[in-house]
Amino acid sequence: MPTSPPLPAWLIAALERRALRLDADQLSAAARLDALLTGALPEDVIGAYCYGPPGRGKSLLAALFHEAYPGARVRTHFHAFLRDVNRRLVAAPPSDDKLGEVLAQWLGDSQLLWFDEFHVHDIADALILAALLRVAIARRVHLLFTSNQAPAALLPDPEFHHRFEPTIAALQAHCLMLPFEGAVDYRRIAPGPGRQAAPAGEATPGDGSLAALFARHGDTILATDTRVPIATRPLEARAAGAHTLFCDFDALCAQARSHLDYLDLAARYRVLILDHVALDASTARATLQRFVWLVDILYDQQASLVFLHDADHEARVGQRDDVHGIERTWSRISEMRAAARG
């Protein structure tokens, strides 16, 4: 019977603090990440690409590795990275390699880049991400990716996939390939820290129940039926406090919005209360895609999502292969609900 490799020293204390145990995929990945940390790999291998279905522990192990890394390090999330780089591109002066210079400045003196929730579906994003990889490899920055997509599945659009194949080849050449393919989605059985997605029951601005709901989250109502300015267009909110916002689902996800709106929202509010979340199999793809972005960003920022009326949205929506990241959304909502139940 094969034995598991010994736990790296940097991992033992972290697991004890969190009362965690690793499964077989996580143990195998931990041993190989330790080889990256100690320099016990071929010179051209400077990173690790962790991939697999949602909730298999990729980000957990990456976070522990990131925490233990002794040098300057940066963690970024897909949406925040694109926002930051595009802002810098707008402000940067013309040059022969404007994108490369902006990415080098963005990396700064970092020796480790952890790119959480790495995915590629758009050719414009793909060009930026390809340039990031070129700059990081040239500077020998250690790379750590967590993704639901294997490298070969990145940018699946057949019209553009061939243009990303050199970047896929670079990922495979310079990164350990660490699959996380266990049968268990741990988010569905264990709560995560700091995040909640809870049902709240009936609440309206006039009957005191909404005030009680705000109070439950340590806030008070400062305005009702108000317009909240966020990144690309104002949001009609039913109530707002210092760090809590109450609005209808359609105002946030059925209207034309970008991930910039949700990044701005998550930076300003710790609790988002949503009413009239009417998701089902007929929901438009664009609406569901915005919902995926919203949940991703709230989850990344450790914000709480409160559904005024609870429902099994996953069962009602069913299989939607046309919506990128929808399985990750259901996984994350399950974890956030578990946290709300305590």
C-alpha atoms as a PDB file:
ATOM      1  CA  MET A   1       0.000   0.000   0.000  1.00  0.00           C
ATOM      2  CA  PRO A   2       1.570   3.353  -1.013  1.00  0.00           C
ATOM      3  CA  THR A   3       2.397   5.783   1.754  1.00  0.00           C
ATOM      4  CA  SER A   4       1.754   9.505   1.644  1.00  0.00           C
ATOM      5  CA  PRO A   5       4.804  11.773   1.437  1.00  0.00           C
ATOM      6  CA  PRO A   6       5.725  13.505   4.707  1.00  0.00           C
ATOM      7  CA  LEU A   7       4.095  16.865   5.261  1.00  0.00           C
ATOM      8  CA  PRO A   8       6.342  19.864   4.584  1.00  0.00           C
ATOM      9  CA  ALA A   9       7.313  21.789   7.714  1.00  0.00           C
ATOM     10  CA  TRP A  10       5.570  24.954   6.487  1.00  0.00           C
ATOM     11  CA  LEU A  11       2.304  23.056   6.241  1.00  0.00           C
ATOM     12  CA  ILE A  12       2.192  21.190   9.551  1.00  0.00           C
ATOM     13  CA  ALA A  13       1.580  24.211  11.800  1.00  0.00           C
ATOM     14  CA  ALA A  14      -0.887  25.749   9.347  1.00  0.00           C
ATOM     15  CA  LEU A  15      -2.990  22.589   9.313  1.00  0.00           C
ATOM     16  CA  GLU A  16      -2.898  22.301  13.093  1.00  0.00           C
ATOM     17  CA  ARG A  17      -4.064  25.907  13.502  1.00  0.00           C
ATOM     18  CA  ARG A  18      -7.015  25.269  11.211  1.00  0.00           C
ATOM     19  CA  ALA A  19      -7.730  21.702  12.380  1.00  0.00           C
ATOM     20  CA  LEU A  20      -7.534  20.507   8.772  1.00  0.00           C
ATOM     21  CA  ARG A  21      -6.560  17.242   7.127  1.00  0.00           C
ATOM     22  CA  LEU A  22      -5.561  16.890   3.496  1.00  0.00           C
ATOM     23  CA  ASP A  23      -6.856  14.344   1.008  1.00  0.00           C
ATOM     24  CA  ALA A  24      -4.655  12.379  -1.392  1.00  0.00           C
ATOM     25  CA  ASP A  25      -4.617  15.015  -4.150  1.00  0.00           C
ATOM     26  CA  GLN A  26      -3.815  17.764  -1.662  1.00  0.00           C
ATOM     27  CA  LEU A  27      -1.028  15.745  -0.032  1.00  0.00           C
ATOM     28  CA  SER A  28       0.558  15.022  -3.402  1.00  0.00           C
ATOM     29  CA  ALA A  29       0.305  18.675  -4.431  1.00  0.00           C
ATOM     30  CA  ALA A  30       1.757  19.833  -1.096  1.00  0.00           C
ATOM     31  CA  ALA A  31       4.865  17.691  -1.586  1.00  0.00           C
ATOM     32  CA  ARG A  32       5.434  19.073  -5.080  1.00  0.00           C
ATOM     33  CA  LEU A  33       4.822  22.655  -3.944  1.00  0.00           C
ATOM     34  CA  ASP A  34       7.440  22.107  -1.261  1.00  0.00           C
ATOM     35  CA  ALA A  35       9.906  21.128  -3.980  1.00  0.00           C
ATOM     36  CA  LEU A  36       9.131  24.442  -5.666  1.00  0.00           C
ATOM     37  CA  LEU A  37       9.656  26.299  -2.394  1.00  0.00           C
ATOM     38  CA  THR A  38      12.990  24.600  -1.666  1.00  0.00           C
ATOM     39  CA  GLY A  39      14.328  24.862  -5.215  1.00  0.00           C
ATOM     40  CA  ALA A  40      14.432  21.100  -5.726  1.00  0.00           C
ATOM     41  CA  LEU A  41      13.101  21.266  -9.292  1.00  0.00           C
ATOM     42  CA  PRO A  42      14.650  21.715 -12.743  1.00  0.00           C
ATOM     43  CA  GLU A  43      15.697  25.296 -13.359  1.00  0.00           C
ATOM     44  CA  ASP A  44      13.022  25.960 -15.968  1.00  0.00           C
ATOM     45  CA  VAL A  45      10.177  24.935 -13.619  1.00  0.00           C
ATOM     46  CA  ILE A  46       9.224  28.090 -11.738  1.00  0.00           C
ATOM     47  CA  GLY A  47       5.576  27.560 -10.891  1.00  0.00           C
ATOM     48  CA  ALA A  48       2.591  25.323 -10.281  1.00  0.00           C
ATOM     49  CA  TYR A  49      -0.774  25.136 -12.007  1.00  0.00           C
ATOM     50  CA  CYS A  50      -3.460  23.696  -9.706  1.00  0.00           C
ATOM     51  CA  TYR A  51      -6.634  22.727 -11.533  1.00  0.00           C
ATOM     52  CA  GLY A  52      -9.812  20.748 -11.042  1.00  0.00           C
ATOM     53  CA  PRO A  53     -13.519  21.068 -10.262  1.00  0.00           C
ATOM     54  CA  PRO A  54     -14.734  23.624  -7.685  1.00  0.00           C
ATOM     55  CA  GLY A  55     -14.273  22.986  -3.979  1.00  0.00           C
ATOM     56  CA  ARG A  56     -11.394  20.494  -4.145  1.00  0.00           C
ATOM     57  CA  GLY A  57      -9.009  22.532  -1.988  1.00  0.00           C
ATOM     58  CA  LYS A  58      -6.891  24.253  -4.636  1.00  0.00           C
ATOM     59  CA  SER A  59      -7.209  27.750  -3.191  1.00  0.00           C
ATOM     60  CA  LEU A  60      -6.831  26.451   0.374  1.00  0.00           C
ATOM     61  CA  LEU A  61      -3.481  24.832  -0.359  1.00  0.00           C
ATOM     62  CA  ALA A  62      -2.378  27.778  -2.493  1.00  0.00           C
ATOM     63  CA  ALA A  63      -3.214  30.159   0.363  1.00  0.00           C
ATOM     64  CA  LEU A  64      -1.106  28.125   2.799  1.00  0.00           C
ATOM     65  CA  PHE A  65       1.799  28.062   0.328  1.00  0.00           C
ATOM     66  CA  HIS A  66       1.439  31.785  -0.312  1.00  0.00           C
ATOM     67  CA  GLU A  67       1.459  32.435   3.443  1.00  0.00           C
ATOM     68  CA  ALA A  68       4.636  30.380   3.915  1.00  0.00           C
ATOM     69  CA  TYR A  69       6.526  31.881   0.975  1.00  0.00           C
ATOM     70  CA  PRO A  70       9.532  33.802   2.354  1.00  0.00           C
ATOM     71  CA  GLY A  71       9.853  36.484  -0.330  1.00  0.00           C
ATOM     72  CA  ALA A  72       7.766  39.373  -1.646  1.00  0.00           C
ATOM     73  CA  ARG A  73       4.508  38.030  -3.001  1.00  0.00           C
ATOM     74  CA  VAL A  74       1.286  39.150  -4.600  1.00  0.00           C
ATOM     75  CA  ARG A  75      -2.103  37.467  -4.911  1.00  0.00           C
ATOM     76  CA  THR A  76      -4.575  38.559  -7.533  1.00  0.00           C
ATOM     77  CA  HIS A  77      -8.014  37.550  -8.702  1.00  0.00           C
ATOM     78  CA  PHE A  78      -9.053  37.530 -12.348  1.00  0.00           C
ATOM     79  CA  HIS A  79     -11.444  40.495 -12.299  1.00  0.00           C
ATOM     80  CA  ALA A  80      -9.336  42.720 -10.043  1.00  0.00           C
ATOM     81  CA  PHE A  81      -6.226  42.031 -12.124  1.00  0.00           C
ATOM     82  CA  LEU A  82      -7.871  43.063 -15.390  1.00  0.00           C
ATOM     83  CA  ARG A  83      -9.291  46.213 -13.813  1.00  0.00           C
ATOM     84  CA  ASP A  84      -5.926  47.247 -12.379  1.00  0.00           C
ATOM     85  CA  VAL A  85      -3.968  46.564 -15.564  1.00  0.00           C
ATOM     86  CA  ASN A  86      -6.463  48.341 -17.805  1.00  0.00           C
ATOM     87  CA  ARG A  87      -6.384  51.388 -15.530  1.00  0.00           C
ATOM     88  CA  ARG A  88      -2.597  51.441 -15.709  1.00  0.00           C
ATOM     89  CA  LEU A  89      -2.667  51.074 -19.491  1.00  0.00           C
ATOM     90  CA  VAL A  90      -4.923  54.118 -19.794  1.00  0.00           C
ATOM     91  CA  ALA A  91      -2.570  56.189 -17.626  1.00  0.00           C
ATOM     92  CA  ALA A  92       0.733  54.942 -19.076  1.00  0.00           C
ATOM     93  CA  PRO A  93       2.608  56.979 -21.721  1.00  0.00           C
ATOM     94  CA  PRO A  94       3.084  55.511 -25.215  1.00  0.00           C
ATOM     95  CA  SER A  95       6.011  53.108 -25.632  1.00  0.00           C
ATOM     96  CA  ASP A  96       7.185  50.254 -27.838  1.00  0.00           C
ATOM     97  CA  ASP A  97       6.070  47.693 -25.228  1.00  0.00           C
ATOM     98  CA  LYS A  98       3.473  49.527 -23.214  1.00  0.00           C
ATOM     99  CA  LEU A  99       1.701  46.381 -21.989  1.00  0.00           C
ATOM    100  CA  GLY A 100       4.941  44.673 -20.946  1.00  0.00           C
ATOM    101  CA  GLU A 101       6.100  47.753 -19.049  1.00  0.00           C
ATOM    102  CA  VAL A 102       2.752  48.110 -17.287  1.00  0.00           C
ATOM    103  CA  LEU A 103       2.810  44.451 -16.256  1.00  0.00           C
ATOM    104  CA  ALA A 104       6.390  44.733 -14.983  1.00  0.00           C
ATOM    105  CA  GLN A 105       5.364  47.742 -12.890  1.00  0.00           C
ATOM    106  CA  TRP A 106       2.303  45.873 -11.637  1.00  0.00           C
ATOM    107  CA  LEU A 107       4.467  42.937 -10.519  1.00  0.00           C
ATOM    108  CA  GLY A 108       6.890  45.288  -8.765  1.00  0.00           C
ATOM    109  CA  ASP A 109       9.436  43.379  -6.684  1.00  0.00           C
ATOM    110  CA  SER A 110       7.199  40.335  -6.209  1.00  0.00           C
ATOM    111  CA  GLN A 111       8.967  36.997  -6.258  1.00  0.00           C
ATOM    112  CA  LEU A 112       5.720  34.993  -6.163  1.00  0.00           C
ATOM    113  CA  LEU A 113       2.546  35.650  -8.138  1.00  0.00           C
ATOM    114  CA  TRP A 114      -0.556  33.724  -7.079  1.00  0.00           C
ATOM    115  CA  PHE A 115      -3.267  34.089  -9.705  1.00  0.00           C
ATOM    116  CA  ASP A 116      -6.455  32.781  -8.105  1.00  0.00           C
ATOM    117  CA  GLU A 117      -9.385  31.675 -10.258  1.00  0.00           C
ATOM    118  CA  PHE A 118      -7.398  31.745 -13.475  1.00  0.00           C
ATOM    119  CA  HIS A 119      -9.629  31.354 -16.516  1.00  0.00           C
ATOM    120  CA  VAL A 120      -9.584  32.554 -20.117  1.00  0.00           C
ATOM    121  CA  HIS A 121     -12.677  32.938 -22.289  1.00  0.00           C
ATOM    122  CA  ASP A 122     -12.043  36.210 -24.128  1.00  0.00           C
ATOM    123  CA  ILE A 123      -9.300  36.868 -26.663  1.00  0.00           C
ATOM    124  CA  ALA A 124      -8.625  40.398 -25.370  1.00  0.00           C
ATOM    125  CA  ASP A 125      -8.109  39.039 -21.843  1.00  0.00           C
ATOM    126  CA  ALA A 126      -5.996  36.228 -23.300  1.00  0.00           C
ATOM    127  CA  LEU A 127      -3.540  38.685 -24.851  1.00  0.00           C
ATOM    128  CA  ILE A 128      -3.036  40.445 -21.504  1.00  0.00           C
ATOM    129  CA  LEU A 129      -2.620  37.157 -19.638  1.00  0.00           C
ATOM    130  CA  ALA A 130      -0.161  35.874 -22.250  1.00  0.00           C
ATOM    131  CA  ALA A 131       1.915  39.023 -21.805  1.00  0.00           C
ATOM    132  CA  LEU A 132       1.791  38.628 -18.011  1.00  0.00           C
ATOM    133  CA  LEU A 133       3.163  35.119 -18.296  1.00  0.00           C
ATOM    134  CA  ARG A 134       5.970  36.257 -20.627  1.00  0.00           C
ATOM    135  CA  VAL A 135       7.011  39.039 -18.243  1.00  0.00           C
ATOM    136  CA  ALA A 136       6.845  36.814 -15.160  1.00  0.00           C
ATOM    137  CA  ILE A 137       8.874  34.021 -16.785  1.00  0.00           C
ATOM    138  CA  ALA A 138      11.498  36.478 -18.028  1.00  0.00           C
ATOM    139  CA  ARG A 139      11.865  37.832 -14.487  1.00  0.00           C
ATOM    140  CA  ARG A 140      11.799  34.313 -12.972  1.00  0.00           C
ATOM    141  CA  VAL A 141       8.871  35.164 -10.739  1.00  0.00           C
ATOM    142  CA  HIS A 142       7.470  32.060  -9.069  1.00  0.00           C
ATOM    143  CA  LEU A 143       3.991  31.374 -10.447  1.00  0.00           C
ATOM    144  CA  LEU A 144       1.016  29.800  -8.699  1.00  0.00           C
ATOM    145  CA  PHE A 145      -2.267  29.343 -10.540  1.00  0.00           C
ATOM    146  CA  THR A 146      -5.569  27.956  -9.270  1.00  0.00           C
ATOM    147  CA  SER A 147      -8.152  27.190 -11.919  1.00  0.00           C
ATOM    148  CA  ASN A 148     -11.186  25.089 -12.767  1.00  0.00           C
ATOM    149  CA  GLN A 149      -9.754  24.662 -16.277  1.00  0.00           C
ATOM    150  CA  ALA A 150      -6.861  22.449 -17.304  1.00  0.00           C
ATOM    151  CA  PRO A 151      -4.402  24.446 -19.425  1.00  0.00           C
ATOM    152  CA  ALA A 152      -5.553  22.804 -22.659  1.00  0.00           C
ATOM    153  CA  ALA A 153      -9.131  23.934 -21.930  1.00  0.00           C
ATOM    154  CA  LEU A 154      -8.242  27.631 -21.625  1.00  0.00           C
ATOM    155  CA  LEU A 155      -9.812  29.919 -24.239  1.00  0.00           C
ATOM    156  CA  PRO A 156     -12.023  27.120 -25.621  1.00  0.00           C
ATOM    157  CA  ASP A 157     -13.483  29.279 -28.407  1.00  0.00           C
ATOM    158  CA  PRO A 158     -12.342  27.420 -31.566  1.00  0.00           C
ATOM    159  CA  GLU A 159     -11.969  30.706 -33.431  1.00  0.00           C
ATOM    160  CA  PHE A 160      -9.244  31.937 -31.074  1.00  0.00           C
ATOM    161  CA  HIS A 161      -7.889  28.923 -29.173  1.00  0.00           C
ATOM    162  CA  HIS A 162      -4.905  28.479 -31.505  1.00  0.00           C
ATOM    163  CA  ARG A 163      -3.724  32.001 -30.646  1.00  0.00           C
ATOM    164  CA  PHE A 164      -3.419  31.006 -26.984  1.00  0.00           C
ATOM    165  CA  GLU A 165      -1.676  27.688 -27.617  1.00  0.00           C
ATOM    166  CA  PRO A 166       1.862  29.169 -27.233  1.00  0.00           C
ATOM    167  CA  THR A 167       0.860  30.461 -23.797  1.00  0.00           C
ATOM    168  CA  ILE A 168      -0.602  27.075 -22.873  1.00  0.00           C
ATOM    169  CA  ALA A 169       2.683  25.464 -23.941  1.00  0.00           C
ATOM    170  CA  ALA A 170       4.614  27.935 -21.772  1.00  0.00           C
ATOM    171  CA  LEU A 171       2.412  27.131 -18.777  1.00  0.00           C
ATOM    172  CA  GLN A 172       3.005  23.423 -19.271  1.00  0.00           C
ATOM    173  CA  ALA A 173       6.758  23.908 -19.720  1.00  0.00           C
ATOM    174  CA  HIS A 174       7.347  26.157 -16.725  1.00  0.00           C
ATOM    175  CA  CYS A 175       4.732  24.976 -14.199  1.00  0.00           C
ATOM    176  CA  LEU A 176       4.096  21.763 -12.350  1.00  0.00           C
ATOM    177  CA  MET A 177       0.697  20.383 -13.367  1.00  0.00           C
ATOM    178  CA  LEU A 178      -1.193  19.602 -10.145  1.00  0.00           C
ATOM    179  CA  PRO A 179      -4.646  18.067 -10.708  1.00  0.00           C
ATOM    180  CA  PHE A 180      -7.248  18.157  -7.933  1.00  0.00           C
ATOM    181  CA  GLU A 181      -9.785  15.599  -9.084  1.00  0.00           C
ATOM    182  CA  GLY A 182     -11.339  14.212  -5.899  1.00  0.00           C
ATOM    183  CA  ALA A 183     -15.029  13.360  -5.774  1.00  0.00           C
ATOM    184  CA  VAL A 184     -15.804  15.655  -2.812  1.00  0.00           C
ATOM    185  CA  ASP A 185     -16.705  19.340  -3.112  1.00  0.00           C
ATOM    186  CA  TYR A 186     -15.581  20.470   0.350  1.00  0.00           C
ATOM    187  CA  ARG A 187     -17.418  23.779   0.083  1.00  0.00           C
ATOM    188  CA  ARG A 188     -20.675  21.865   0.199  1.00  0.00           C
ATOM    189  CA  ILE A 189     -19.837  20.226   3.521  1.00  0.00           C
ATOM    190  CA  ALA A 190     -17.745  22.776   5.438  1.00  0.00           C
ATOM    191  CA  PRO A 191     -18.137  26.535   5.990  1.00  0.00           C
ATOM    192  CA  GLY A 192     -15.403  28.967   5.061  1.00  0.00           C
ATOM    193  CA  PRO A 193     -14.336  31.916   7.221  1.00  0.00           C
ATOM    194  CA  GLY A 194     -15.828  35.358   6.858  1.00  0.00           C
ATOM    195  CA  ARG A 195     -18.322  34.644   4.105  1.00  0.00           C
ATOM    196  CA  GLN A 196     -22.055  34.077   4.353  1.00  0.00           C
ATOM    197  CA  ALA A 197     -24.986  33.528   2.024  1.00  0.00           C
ATOM    198  CA  ALA A 198     -28.058  33.354   4.203  1.00  0.00           C
ATOM    199  CA  PRO A 199     -31.839  33.429   3.786  1.00  0.00           C
ATOM    200  CA  ALA A 200     -33.348  36.343   5.694  1.00  0.00           C
ATOM    201  CA  GLY A 201     -37.122  35.931   5.415  1.00  0.00           C
ATOM    202  CA  GLU A 202     -39.600  38.687   4.671  1.00  0.00           C
ATOM    203  CA  ALA A 203     -38.356  42.240   5.174  1.00  0.00           C
ATOM    204  CA  THR A 204     -39.654  45.569   3.883  1.00  0.00           C
ATOM    205  CA  PRO A 205     -38.430  49.104   4.584  1.00  0.00           C
ATOM    206  CA  GLY A 206     -41.601  50.104   6.390  1.00  0.00           C
ATOM    207  CA  ASP A 207     -42.306  47.353   8.910  1.00  0.00           C
ATOM    208  CA  GLY A 208     -39.142  47.294  11.018  1.00  0.00           C
ATOM    209  CA  SER A 209     -38.025  43.872   9.828  1.00  0.00           C
ATOM    210  CA  LEU A 210     -35.519  45.346   7.393  1.00  0.00           C
ATOM    211  CA  ALA A 211     -34.088  47.538  10.147  1.00  0.00           C
ATOM    212  CA  ALA A 212     -33.717  44.410  12.255  1.00  0.00           C
ATOM    213  CA  LEU A 213     -31.974  42.666   9.371  1.00  0.00           C
ATOM    214  CA  PHE A 214     -29.508  45.543   9.020  1.00  0.00           C
ATOM    215  CA  ALA A 215     -28.979  45.495  12.797  1.00  0.00           C
ATOM    216  CA  ARG A 216     -28.210  41.787  12.622  1.00  0.00           C
ATOM    217  CA  HIS A 217     -25.246  42.744  10.449  1.00  0.00           C
ATOM    218  CA  GLY A 218     -24.148  45.587  12.739  1.00  0.00           C
ATOM    219  CA  ASP A 219     -25.611  48.359  10.601  1.00  0.00           C
ATOM    220  CA  THR A 220     -28.485  50.832  10.423  1.00  0.00           C
ATOM    221  CA  ILE A 221     -30.520  52.063   7.466  1.00  0.00           C
ATOM    222  CA  LEU A 222     -29.257  55.454   6.338  1.00  0.00           C
ATOM    223  CA  ALA A 223     -31.385  55.817   3.189  1.00  0.00           C
ATOM    224  CA  THR A 224     -34.275  54.074   1.426  1.00  0.00           C
ATOM    225  CA  ASP A 225     -35.152  54.017  -2.278  1.00  0.00           C
ATOM    226  CA  THR A 226     -31.815  55.578  -3.058  1.00  0.00           C
ATOM    227  CA  ARG A 227     -29.485  55.731  -6.033  1.00  0.00           C
ATOM    228  CA  VAL A 228     -25.998  54.429  -5.270  1.00  0.00           C
ATOM    229  CA  PRO A 229     -23.163  55.539  -7.580  1.00  0.00           C
ATOM    230  CA  ILE A 230     -20.972  52.617  -8.616  1.00  0.00           C
ATOM    231  CA  ALA A 231     -18.364  52.175 -11.326  1.00  0.00           C
ATOM    232  CA  THR A 232     -20.188  52.212 -14.655  1.00  0.00           C
ATOM    233  CA  ARG A 233     -23.787  53.229 -13.884  1.00  0.00           C
ATOM    234  CA  PRO A 234     -25.823  54.112 -10.761  1.00  0.00           C
ATOM    235  CA  LEU A 235     -27.619  51.339  -8.885  1.00  0.00           C
ATOM    236  CA  GLU A 236     -31.190  51.731  -7.671  1.00  0.00           C
ATOM    237  CA  ALA A 237     -31.122  50.401  -4.105  1.00  0.00           C
ATOM    238  CA  ARG A 238     -34.068  49.833  -1.799  1.00  0.00           C
ATOM    239  CA  ALA A 239     -32.038  50.617   1.312  1.00  0.00           C
ATOM    240  CA  ALA A 240     -28.438  51.426   2.191  1.00  0.00           C
ATOM    241  CA  GLY A 241     -26.414  51.583   5.369  1.00  0.00           C
ATOM    242  CA  ALA A 242     -22.767  52.242   6.112  1.00  0.00           C
ATOM    243  CA  HIS A 243     -21.703  48.764   4.973  1.00  0.00           C
ATOM    244  CA  THR A 244     -24.974  47.019   4.028  1.00  0.00           C
ATOM    245  CA  LEU A 245     -26.923  47.350   0.781  1.00  0.00           C
ATOM    246  CA  PHE A 246     -30.410  46.045  -0.060  1.00  0.00           C
ATOM    247  CA  CYS A 247     -31.472  45.866  -3.711  1.00  0.00           C
ATOM    248  CA  ASP A 248     -33.408  43.828  -6.240  1.00  0.00           C
ATOM    249  CA  PHE A 249     -31.643  41.139  -8.225  1.00  0.00           C
ATOM    250  CA  ASP A 250     -32.720  42.594 -11.567  1.00  0.00           C
ATOM    251  CA  ALA A 251     -31.185  45.981 -10.775  1.00  0.00           C
ATOM    252  CA  LEU A 252     -27.853  44.307 -10.161  1.00  0.00           C
ATOM    253  CA  CYS A 253     -27.728  41.415 -12.624  1.00  0.00           C
ATOM    254  CA  ALA A 254     -30.443  41.759 -15.289  1.00  0.00           C
ATOM    255  CA  GLN A 255     -29.232  45.158 -16.468  1.00  0.00           C
ATOM    256  CA  ALA A 256     -26.074  45.782 -18.467  1.00  0.00           C
ATOM    257  CA  ARG A 257     -23.214  45.824 -15.957  1.00  0.00           C
ATOM    258  CA  SER A 258     -19.589  44.791 -15.847  1.00  0.00           C
ATOM    259  CA  HIS A 259     -17.346  43.204 -13.243  1.00  0.00           C
ATOM    260  CA  LEU A 260     -16.159  46.746 -12.441  1.00  0.00           C
ATOM    261  CA  ASP A 261     -19.534  47.470 -10.838  1.00  0.00           C
ATOM    262  CA  TYR A 262     -19.258  44.443  -8.584  1.00  0.00           C
ATOM    263  CA  LEU A 263     -15.663  45.207  -7.615  1.00  0.00           C
ATOM    264  CA  ASP A 264     -16.735  48.712  -6.614  1.00  0.00           C
ATOM    265  CA  LEU A 265     -19.730  47.352  -4.724  1.00  0.00           C
ATOM    266  CA  ALA A 266     -17.645  44.808  -2.804  1.00  0.00           C
ATOM    267  CA  ALA A 267     -15.122  47.499  -1.865  1.00  0.00           C
ATOM    268  CA  ARG A 268     -17.866  49.652  -0.326  1.00  0.00           C
ATOM    269  CA  TYR A 269     -20.276  47.142   1.247  1.00  0.00           C
ATOM    270  CA  ARG A 270     -19.596  44.113   3.424  1.00  0.00           C
ATOM    271  CA  VAL A 271     -23.164  42.804   3.215  1.00  0.00           C
ATOM    272  CA  LEU A 272     -25.375  42.609   0.133  1.00  0.00           C
ATOM    273  CA  ILE A 273     -29.063  41.724   0.574  1.00  0.00           C
ATOM    274  CA  LEU A 274     -30.793  40.579  -2.612  1.00  0.00           C
ATOM    275  CA  ASP A 275     -34.544  40.367  -3.184  1.00  0.00           C
ATOM    276  CA  HIS A 276     -36.508  38.801  -6.045  1.00  0.00           C
ATOM    277  CA  VAL A 277     -33.781  36.383  -7.103  1.00  0.00           C
ATOM    278  CA  ALA A 278     -35.863  34.614  -9.751  1.00  0.00           C
ATOM    279  CA  LEU A 279     -33.357  32.261 -11.355  1.00  0.00           C
ATOM    280  CA  ASP A 280     -34.491  29.287 -13.427  1.00  0.00           C
ATOM    281  CA  ALA A 281     -33.701  27.398 -16.615  1.00  0.00           C
ATOM    282  CA  SER A 282     -35.025  30.254 -18.764  1.00  0.00           C
ATOM    283  CA  THR A 283     -32.826  32.954 -17.198  1.00  0.00           C
ATOM    284  CA  ALA A 284     -30.828  34.782 -19.855  1.00  0.00           C
ATOM    285  CA  ARG A 285     -27.187  33.772 -20.201  1.00  0.00           C
ATOM    286  CA  ALA A 286     -25.969  37.354 -19.679  1.00  0.00           C
ATOM    287  CA  THR A 287     -27.934  37.649 -16.423  1.00  0.00           C
ATOM    288  CA  LEU A 288     -26.521  34.390 -15.089  1.00  0.00           C
ATOM    289  CA  GLN A 289     -23.007  35.377 -16.143  1.00  0.00           C
ATOM    290  CA  ARG A 290     -23.294  38.620 -14.176  1.00  0.00           C
ATOM    291  CA  PHE A 291     -24.519  36.622 -11.179  1.00  0.00           C
ATOM    292  CA  VAL A 292     -21.407  34.431 -11.478  1.00  0.00           C
ATOM    293  CA  TRP A 293     -19.204  37.539 -11.510  1.00  0.00           C
ATOM    294  CA  LEU A 294     -21.055  38.966  -8.511  1.00  0.00           C
ATOM    295  CA  VAL A 295     -20.655  35.818  -6.405  1.00  0.00           C
ATOM    296  CA  ASP A 296     -17.002  35.407  -7.429  1.00  0.00           C
ATOM    297  CA  ILE A 297     -16.165  38.944  -6.372  1.00  0.00           C
ATOM    298  CA  LEU A 298     -18.140  38.900  -3.121  1.00  0.00           C
ATOM    299  CA  TYR A 299     -16.528  35.576  -2.234  1.00  0.00           C
ATOM    300  CA  ASP A 300     -13.041  36.848  -3.025  1.00  0.00           C
ATOM    301  CA  GLN A 301     -13.623  39.956  -0.892  1.00  0.00           C
ATOM    302  CA  GLN A 302     -15.108  37.862   1.961  1.00  0.00           C
ATOM    303  CA  ALA A 303     -18.383  39.761   1.805  1.00  0.00           C
ATOM    304  CA  SER A 304     -21.741  38.321   2.884  1.00  0.00           C
ATOM    305  CA  LEU A 305     -24.578  37.657   0.447  1.00  0.00           C
ATOM    306  CA  VAL A 306     -28.096  37.509   1.900  1.00  0.00           C
ATOM    307  CA  PHE A 307     -31.035  36.163  -0.096  1.00  0.00           C
ATOM    308  CA  LEU A 308     -34.263  37.697   1.172  1.00  0.00           C
ATOM    309  CA  HIS A 309     -36.177  34.632  -0.020  1.00  0.00           C
ATOM    310  CA  ASP A 310     -34.262  31.374   0.028  1.00  0.00           C
ATOM    311  CA  ALA A 311     -34.505  28.903  -2.845  1.00  0.00           C
ATOM    312  CA  ASP A 312     -32.525  26.109  -4.418  1.00  0.00           C
ATOM    313  CA  HIS A 313     -31.278  28.225  -7.302  1.00  0.00           C
ATOM    314  CA  GLU A 314     -28.964  25.486  -8.532  1.00  0.00           C
ATOM    315  CA  ALA A 315     -31.813  22.999  -8.983  1.00  0.00           C
ATOM    316  CA  ARG A 316     -34.052  25.583 -10.622  1.00  0.00           C
ATOM    317  CA  VAL A 317     -31.413  26.702 -13.114  1.00  0.00           C
ATOM    318  CA  GLY A 318     -30.228  23.197 -13.988  1.00  0.00           C
ATOM    319  CA  GLN A 319     -27.342  22.479 -16.344  1.00  0.00           C
ATOM    320  CA  ARG A 320     -26.071  25.636 -18.066  1.00  0.00           C
ATOM    321  CA  ASP A 321     -22.879  24.915 -19.967  1.00  0.00           C
ATOM    322  CA  ASP A 322     -23.226  28.277 -21.721  1.00  0.00           C
ATOM    323  CA  VAL A 323     -22.418  30.170 -18.494  1.00  0.00           C
ATOM    324  CA  HIS A 324     -18.718  30.239 -17.577  1.00  0.00           C
ATOM    325  CA  GLY A 325     -18.061  29.347 -13.932  1.00  0.00           C
ATOM    326  CA  ILE A 326     -21.631  28.480 -12.925  1.00  0.00           C
ATOM    327  CA  GLU A 327     -20.563  25.288 -11.092  1.00  0.00           C
ATOM    328  CA  ARG A 328     -18.092  27.344  -9.063  1.00  0.00           C
ATOM    329  CA  THR A 329     -20.931  29.719  -8.151  1.00  0.00           C
ATOM    330  CA  TRP A 330     -23.126  26.957  -6.733  1.00  0.00           C
ATOM    331  CA  SER A 331     -20.145  25.544  -4.848  1.00  0.00           C
ATOM    332  CA  ARG A 332     -19.349  28.920  -3.301  1.00  0.00           C
ATOM    333  CA  ILE A 333     -22.951  29.653  -2.364  1.00  0.00           C
ATOM    334  CA  SER A 334     -23.093  26.264  -0.630  1.00  0.00           C
ATOM    335  CA  GLU A 335     -20.033  27.144   1.448  1.00  0.00           C
ATOM    336  CA  MET A 336     -21.354  30.598   2.287  1.00  0.00           C
ATOM    337  CA  ARG A 337     -24.694  29.125   3.370  1.00  0.00           C
ATOM    338  CA  ALA A 338     -22.882  26.633   5.597  1.00  0.00           C
ATOM    339  CA  ALA A 339     -21.019  29.546   7.199  1.00  0.00           C
ATOM    340  CA  ALA A 340     -24.312  31.357   7.810  1.00  0.00           C
ATOM    341  CA  ARG A 341     -25.718  28.287   9.561  1.00  0.00           C
ATOM    342  CA  GLY A 342     -22.614  28.195  11.760  1.00  0.00           C
END
